[in-house]
Structures are given as structure tokens and as C-alpha cells.
């Protein structure tokens, strides 16, 4: 069975190949290693290979791993659904939150960051496919309405958009969803006069399609750490 180091190398090679096929530079795509349900030792093993960005789905798991490893060179991203009552904890321990899905939650994170004296980045989660089973903002008008409020923020910095594809989606459907978000991100970038915008798109099963459609952050767990129990 391949270990974390070997898996990580294979994923980085696939990212490089996918970027090359899309006429993009490998450095344009960040690898976020999702260590959900794996122990701190697994994160330490990946970090020993040079991996620096790690993502968690739950606030308490991110908090415990960050505390256990106590490594200031690591960057921690909250990627799972964030409940309003955990906004303060997430703002205190995350370097970036990918799953802001309402104006109220965005404002709570801003307020929490101000109280903590921290600056963090965040992404707005957009439910492109409008799946009932998935979280995220639905509808372009609602997304734009929230985006228009971001310039007023002082401590929480709007950095981009995040989405997921349906588990049953074909590659063509995956690419259609990713392409839709990319085009929408460009509209938002121009609307807000931003120099660039992050696109958190793609997981173990579809990250190569996401890279072809402009993803700048891929969230990879299983392909690095193995199957979860």
C-alpha cells in the first residue's frame, strides 16, 4: 500500500500534468491537503514532504490538530459547513474559510476577526448545481448581493469562490459546473475591481477537470491520505 509521501508525489505530478494540458503553470494551482478523520501524525508526515496547506471539515478537528502540531509554517483552511455559533472559533483558528454561505455568517466572521485582532481570508461557497443536499449560496443574484458587501469588511478579506460537483456528475457535467463558476468569478472580479480571485474547485475525484477549467485551489484528501473509515 502506498504511503502518504508517495501519494502526495503522485497527486502533485497529476496537478502538474493537468495544468500543462490546460496551458497553465503548475504554480497557479495550490494543493490543499484535506486531513479530515486522520490523526495529527498524518499531517506531520505530509508536512515533512513539504506540504503546507491543510484543510479540515470540522472546527473542533482543525483546532485540535493545529494545537497538537503547533507549526507556524502550516496554513489551515476550514472547508466544511460552518454553523453560525462556531463562527468565532473558526475565525480564531483558521487562516482561510472556504464555506461562507450567507451574509449573516460573513458578518459574524468579520466581527469575530475584529474581536480577535486577526485578518483572515474567506471564500463564498456557491451551489452552482443547486443540489438540495449541498450547502452554499444559490442563485447569482444572492451571490452578487453578498459580494457587493465585501469591500466594507476590514478584518475578513474576500478572496474568491468555492463549489462542489454532484458525486454522480460526468466529466462533462463537472467541467460545465467549474466553467460556470470561473466565468462568474471573472464577472465578480471586474465588478469589485480585484486583481485576482481564487477558485476552490476540485477534489480527489474531479480535480483534473477543475484545473482544466481554472481552479486555483484543489482540495485533495483520499488521494493523499487514503480512504476514510
Protein backbone atom coordinates (compact mmCIF):
# COMPACT_ATOMS: atom_id res chain seq x y z
CA UNK A 1 0.00 0.00 0.00
CA UNK A 2 1.38 3.42 -0.96
CA UNK A 3 2.27 5.79 1.85
CA UNK A 4 1.45 9.47 2.25
CA UNK A 5 4.74 10.63 0.73
CA UNK A 6 4.23 8.53 -2.39
CA UNK A 7 0.59 9.55 -2.70
CA UNK A 8 1.46 13.21 -2.29
CA UNK A 9 4.09 12.97 -5.01
CA UNK A 10 1.62 11.29 -7.35
CA UNK A 11 -1.02 13.99 -6.76
CA UNK A 12 1.49 16.77 -7.38
CA UNK A 13 2.52 15.06 -10.62
CA UNK A 14 -1.12 14.84 -11.72
CA UNK A 15 -1.64 18.52 -10.89
CA UNK A 16 1.40 19.41 -12.97
CA UNK A 17 0.19 17.30 -15.91
CA UNK A 18 -3.35 18.71 -15.75
CA UNK A 19 -2.02 22.28 -15.62
CA UNK A 20 0.26 21.60 -18.57
CA UNK A 21 -2.64 20.24 -20.64
CA UNK A 22 -4.59 23.40 -19.83
CA UNK A 23 -1.61 25.59 -20.82
CA UNK A 24 -1.26 26.74 -17.22
CA UNK A 25 1.71 26.83 -14.87
CA UNK A 26 1.70 24.21 -12.06
CA UNK A 27 2.37 27.02 -9.59
CA UNK A 28 -1.00 28.53 -10.50
CA UNK A 29 -2.73 25.67 -8.63
CA UNK A 30 -2.43 25.30 -4.85
CA UNK A 31 -2.79 21.88 -3.25
CA UNK A 32 -4.91 21.85 -0.10
CA UNK A 33 -4.44 18.52 1.68
CA UNK A 34 -7.67 17.56 3.43
CA UNK A 35 -6.79 15.57 6.55
CA UNK A 36 -10.35 15.01 7.79
CA UNK A 37 -10.56 11.99 10.15
CA UNK A 38 -6.81 11.39 10.01
CA UNK A 39 -4.55 11.93 13.05
CA UNK A 40 -2.05 14.76 13.51
CA UNK A 41 0.72 12.28 12.70
CA UNK A 42 -0.61 12.02 9.13
CA UNK A 43 -0.47 15.80 8.78
CA UNK A 44 3.07 15.80 10.19
CA UNK A 45 4.10 13.17 7.64
CA UNK A 46 2.70 15.22 4.76
CA UNK A 47 4.28 18.42 6.08
CA UNK A 48 7.66 16.65 6.27
CA UNK A 49 7.34 16.22 2.49
CA UNK A 50 6.87 19.96 2.04
CA UNK A 51 3.06 20.22 2.11
CA UNK A 52 2.00 23.42 3.86
CA UNK A 53 -1.74 23.91 3.23
CA UNK A 54 -4.18 21.71 5.15
CA UNK A 55 -7.97 21.69 5.23
CA UNK A 56 -10.48 20.39 7.74
CA UNK A 57 -14.25 19.95 7.62
CA UNK A 58 -14.93 20.49 11.31
CA UNK A 59 -13.86 23.37 13.55
CA UNK A 60 -13.01 21.16 16.51
CA UNK A 61 -10.78 18.89 14.42
CA UNK A 62 -8.92 21.84 12.92
CA UNK A 63 -8.48 23.31 16.38
CA UNK A 64 -7.10 20.12 17.90
CA UNK A 65 -4.66 19.42 15.06
CA UNK A 66 -3.38 22.97 14.90
CA UNK A 67 -2.76 22.86 18.64
CA UNK A 68 -1.15 19.40 18.55
CA UNK A 69 1.28 20.27 15.73
CA UNK A 70 2.00 23.86 16.77
CA UNK A 71 3.78 24.54 13.47
CA UNK A 72 3.57 28.20 12.38
CA UNK A 73 4.66 27.32 8.84
CA UNK A 74 1.40 25.45 8.20
CA UNK A 75 -1.68 27.18 6.83
CA UNK A 76 -5.07 25.92 7.98
CA UNK A 77 -8.27 26.16 5.92
CA UNK A 78 -11.80 25.49 7.14
CA UNK A 79 -13.62 23.89 4.22
CA UNK A 80 -16.69 22.24 5.78
CA UNK A 81 -20.09 23.73 6.51
CA UNK A 82 -19.73 26.38 9.22
CA UNK A 83 -22.52 26.83 11.73
CA UNK A 84 -23.16 30.40 12.89
CA UNK A 85 -22.46 29.52 16.51
CA UNK A 86 -18.95 28.36 15.56
CA UNK A 87 -18.01 31.44 13.54
CA UNK A 88 -15.94 32.89 16.39
CA UNK A 89 -13.89 29.70 16.86
CA UNK A 90 -13.33 29.38 13.13
CA UNK A 91 -12.15 32.97 12.88
CA UNK A 92 -9.74 32.43 15.75
CA UNK A 93 -8.02 29.32 14.36
CA UNK A 94 -8.40 29.42 10.56
CA UNK A 95 -6.19 31.18 8.06
CA UNK A 96 -8.90 30.87 5.40
CA UNK A 97 -12.56 29.81 5.42
CA UNK A 98 -13.93 28.35 2.18
CA UNK A 99 -17.54 27.86 3.25
CA UNK A 100 -19.16 31.24 3.89
CA UNK A 101 -22.69 30.79 2.58
CA UNK A 102 -24.70 33.76 3.87
CA UNK A 103 -24.42 37.46 4.59
CA UNK A 104 -25.07 36.81 8.27
CA UNK A 105 -22.22 34.29 8.53
CA UNK A 106 -19.85 36.63 6.69
CA UNK A 107 -20.68 39.43 9.13
CA UNK A 108 -20.22 37.12 12.12
CA UNK A 109 -16.76 36.13 10.90
CA UNK A 110 -15.84 39.79 10.34
CA UNK A 111 -16.97 40.66 13.87
CA UNK A 112 -15.10 37.71 15.36
CA UNK A 113 -11.91 38.62 13.50
CA UNK A 114 -12.17 42.19 14.79
CA UNK A 115 -12.54 40.89 18.35
CA UNK A 116 -9.51 38.62 17.95
CA UNK A 117 -7.43 41.27 16.17
CA UNK A 118 -6.89 38.89 13.25
CA UNK A 119 -7.08 39.16 9.48
CA UNK A 120 -8.14 36.06 7.58
CA UNK A 121 -9.28 35.30 4.06
CA UNK A 122 -12.58 33.73 3.10
CA UNK A 123 -14.32 32.31 0.07
CA UNK A 124 -18.03 32.34 -0.68
CA UNK A 125 -19.47 28.88 -1.28
CA UNK A 126 -21.72 28.89 -4.33
CA UNK A 127 -24.02 25.95 -5.04
CA UNK A 128 -23.74 26.05 -8.83
CA UNK A 129 -25.73 22.84 -9.35
CA UNK A 130 -28.37 23.93 -6.78
CA UNK A 131 -28.36 20.50 -5.15
CA UNK A 132 -30.77 20.25 -2.24
CA UNK A 133 -28.29 18.08 -0.33
CA UNK A 134 -25.47 20.62 -0.52
CA UNK A 135 -24.85 23.86 1.33
CA UNK A 136 -23.87 27.08 -0.40
CA UNK A 137 -25.43 30.22 -1.79
CA UNK A 138 -27.98 29.54 -4.51
CA UNK A 139 -28.73 31.97 -7.26
CA UNK A 140 -26.46 34.52 -8.89
CA UNK A 141 -28.42 37.49 -7.54
CA UNK A 142 -27.90 36.41 -3.93
CA UNK A 143 -24.21 35.81 -4.55
CA UNK A 144 -23.72 39.24 -6.11
CA UNK A 145 -25.66 40.88 -3.29
CA UNK A 146 -23.25 39.39 -0.74
CA UNK A 147 -20.19 40.16 -2.87
CA UNK A 148 -21.22 43.80 -3.01
CA UNK A 149 -20.90 43.98 0.79
CA UNK A 150 -17.35 42.64 0.92
CA UNK A 151 -15.47 45.92 0.25
CA UNK A 152 -16.77 47.26 3.59
CA UNK A 153 -15.05 44.47 5.54
CA UNK A 154 -11.87 45.34 7.44
CA UNK A 155 -10.67 42.11 9.05
CA UNK A 156 -12.11 39.37 6.84
CA UNK A 157 -10.83 39.55 3.25
CA UNK A 158 -12.93 38.21 0.39
CA UNK A 159 -10.59 36.04 -1.66
CA UNK A 160 -12.77 34.04 -4.04
CA UNK A 161 -15.37 31.33 -4.58
CA UNK A 162 -15.78 27.64 -3.77
CA UNK A 163 -18.04 24.94 -5.18
CA UNK A 164 -18.52 21.18 -5.37
CA UNK A 165 -19.92 18.95 -8.11
CA UNK A 166 -22.51 16.20 -7.61
CA UNK A 167 -20.98 12.80 -6.84
CA UNK A 168 -22.74 11.31 -9.86
CA UNK A 169 -21.67 14.03 -12.31
CA UNK A 170 -20.00 13.01 -15.56
CA UNK A 171 -16.77 14.71 -16.57
CA UNK A 172 -18.70 16.91 -18.99
CA UNK A 173 -21.05 17.97 -16.19
CA UNK A 174 -18.13 18.59 -13.85
CA UNK A 175 -16.47 20.82 -16.40
CA UNK A 176 -19.72 22.69 -17.07
CA UNK A 177 -20.10 23.47 -13.36
CA UNK A 178 -16.46 24.50 -12.96
CA UNK A 179 -16.59 26.62 -16.12
CA UNK A 180 -19.74 28.37 -14.87
CA UNK A 181 -18.03 29.33 -11.63
CA UNK A 182 -14.94 30.53 -13.47
CA UNK A 183 -16.97 32.83 -15.70
CA UNK A 184 -18.92 34.11 -12.73
CA UNK A 185 -15.70 34.74 -10.80
CA UNK A 186 -14.39 36.90 -13.63
CA UNK A 187 -17.59 38.94 -13.57
CA UNK A 188 -17.21 39.42 -9.81
CA UNK A 189 -13.52 40.28 -10.12
CA UNK A 190 -14.33 43.07 -12.55
CA UNK A 191 -17.35 44.17 -10.53
CA UNK A 192 -15.22 44.59 -7.40
CA UNK A 193 -12.05 45.75 -9.18
CA UNK A 194 -9.98 42.90 -7.75
CA UNK A 195 -6.57 41.99 -9.19
CA UNK A 196 -7.30 38.26 -8.90
CA UNK A 197 -9.76 35.80 -7.42
CA UNK A 198 -9.29 32.31 -6.02
CA UNK A 199 -11.34 29.38 -7.26
CA UNK A 200 -11.52 26.47 -4.81
CA UNK A 201 -12.74 23.72 -7.13
CA UNK A 202 -11.92 20.05 -7.42
CA UNK A 203 -11.45 17.11 -5.06
CA UNK A 204 -9.84 13.68 -5.42
CA UNK A 205 -12.40 12.52 -7.99
CA UNK A 206 -12.54 15.59 -10.22
CA UNK A 207 -9.57 17.89 -9.60
CA UNK A 208 -8.07 17.41 -13.06
CA UNK A 209 -11.31 18.59 -14.69
CA UNK A 210 -11.33 21.53 -12.25
CA UNK A 211 -7.78 22.51 -13.18
CA UNK A 212 -8.71 22.48 -16.87
CA UNK A 213 -11.47 24.96 -16.06
CA UNK A 214 -9.38 27.37 -13.99
CA UNK A 215 -9.24 26.08 -10.41
CA UNK A 216 -6.57 27.75 -8.29
CA UNK A 217 -7.08 25.57 -5.18
CA UNK A 218 -7.77 21.83 -5.27
CA UNK A 219 -8.96 20.11 -2.08
CA UNK A 220 -7.47 16.60 -2.01
CA UNK A 221 -7.98 14.12 0.82
CA UNK A 222 -8.46 10.49 -0.22
CA UNK A 223 -5.82 10.55 -2.97
CA UNK A 224 -3.23 11.64 -0.36
CA UNK A 225 -4.27 10.07 2.93
CA UNK A 226 -6.27 7.08 1.70
CA UNK A 227 -9.86 6.02 2.30
CA UNK A 228 -11.62 7.21 5.44
CA UNK A 229 -13.21 4.83 7.92
